[in-house]
């Protein structure tokens, strides 16, 4: 992971999908799962972000917001 999710309150969807993020050790109530489209359009990242949301659901996380801006897709979750 490039940054500490507990400090940035964000995690990449790729880190969630690759199981590099442990939701049980995350100390906050809200989390932003994000992914930047390096090639193509941001909507190409929707499947990855939504897969990450689905993977976090059994750990008690619930999707509260979803947005795309520029080349970034962000899903905000609450537990």
Protein backbone atom coordinates (compact mmCIF):
# COMPACT_ATOMS: atom_id res chain seq x y z
CA UNK A 1 0.00 0.00 0.00
CA UNK A 2 1.33 3.41 -0.91
CA UNK A 3 -0.21 5.27 2.03
CA UNK A 4 -1.53 4.40 5.46
CA UNK A 5 -5.35 4.19 5.18
CA UNK A 6 -5.75 5.05 8.87
CA UNK A 7 -4.08 8.41 8.18
CA UNK A 8 -5.50 9.22 4.75
CA UNK A 9 -8.96 7.63 5.30
CA UNK A 10 -8.62 6.21 1.77
CA UNK A 11 -7.61 2.90 0.26
CA UNK A 12 -7.18 1.93 -3.36
CA UNK A 13 -9.69 -0.49 -4.80
CA UNK A 14 -6.73 -2.52 -6.09
CA UNK A 15 -5.37 -2.94 -2.53
CA UNK A 16 -8.78 -4.19 -1.36
CA UNK A 17 -9.06 -6.59 -4.31
CA UNK A 18 -5.52 -7.87 -3.71
CA UNK A 19 -6.31 -8.30 -0.01
CA UNK A 20 -3.58 -5.87 1.05
CA UNK A 21 -6.07 -3.91 3.20
CA UNK A 22 -7.28 -5.32 6.52
CA UNK A 23 -10.65 -3.72 7.34
CA UNK A 24 -10.60 -5.12 10.89
CA UNK A 25 -7.61 -2.94 11.80
CA UNK A 26 -9.01 0.26 10.28
CA UNK A 27 -9.92 2.60 13.19
CA UNK A 28 -12.42 4.99 11.56
CA UNK A 29 -16.15 4.79 10.82
CA UNK A 30 -15.86 6.05 7.22
CA UNK A 31 -13.58 4.95 4.38
CA UNK A 32 -13.09 6.14 0.80
CA UNK A 33 -12.26 3.42 -1.71
CA UNK A 34 -10.77 5.00 -4.81
CA UNK A 35 -9.16 4.12 -8.09
CA UNK A 36 -7.60 6.36 -10.72
CA UNK A 37 -7.92 5.44 -14.38
CA UNK A 38 -4.40 5.60 -15.77
CA UNK A 39 -5.61 4.60 -19.24
CA UNK A 40 -9.09 5.09 -20.58
CA UNK A 41 -12.04 6.68 -18.88
CA UNK A 42 -12.93 6.61 -15.18
CA UNK A 43 -15.94 4.40 -15.85
CA UNK A 44 -13.47 1.64 -16.78
CA UNK A 45 -12.62 1.50 -13.04
CA UNK A 46 -16.22 1.05 -11.84
CA UNK A 47 -16.07 -2.78 -11.82
CA UNK A 48 -12.90 -2.77 -9.70
CA UNK A 49 -14.26 -0.21 -7.23
CA UNK A 50 -17.59 -2.00 -6.91
CA UNK A 51 -15.81 -5.34 -6.43
CA UNK A 52 -13.87 -3.75 -3.57
CA UNK A 53 -17.15 -2.49 -2.07
CA UNK A 54 -18.59 -6.01 -2.31
CA UNK A 55 -15.49 -7.48 -0.67
CA UNK A 56 -15.81 -5.07 2.28
CA UNK A 57 -19.54 -5.66 2.75
CA UNK A 58 -19.17 -8.87 4.83
CA UNK A 59 -16.89 -6.91 7.20
CA UNK A 60 -19.78 -4.53 7.97
CA UNK A 61 -19.07 -1.77 5.45
CA UNK A 62 -21.99 -0.13 3.63
CA UNK A 63 -21.83 2.04 0.52
CA UNK A 64 -23.09 5.59 1.20
CA UNK A 65 -21.82 7.54 -1.78
CA UNK A 66 -20.29 7.02 -5.20
CA UNK A 67 -18.77 9.58 -7.53
CA UNK A 68 -16.54 10.02 -10.55
CA UNK A 69 -14.40 13.11 -11.00
CA UNK A 70 -11.80 13.62 -13.69
CA UNK A 71 -10.12 10.20 -13.89
CA UNK A 72 -10.96 9.04 -10.37
CA UNK A 73 -13.77 6.82 -9.10
CA UNK A 74 -14.57 7.07 -5.36
CA UNK A 75 -16.91 5.01 -3.23
CA UNK A 76 -17.47 6.20 0.34
CA UNK A 77 -18.35 3.52 2.87
CA UNK A 78 -19.55 3.56 6.48
CA UNK A 79 -19.51 0.80 9.05
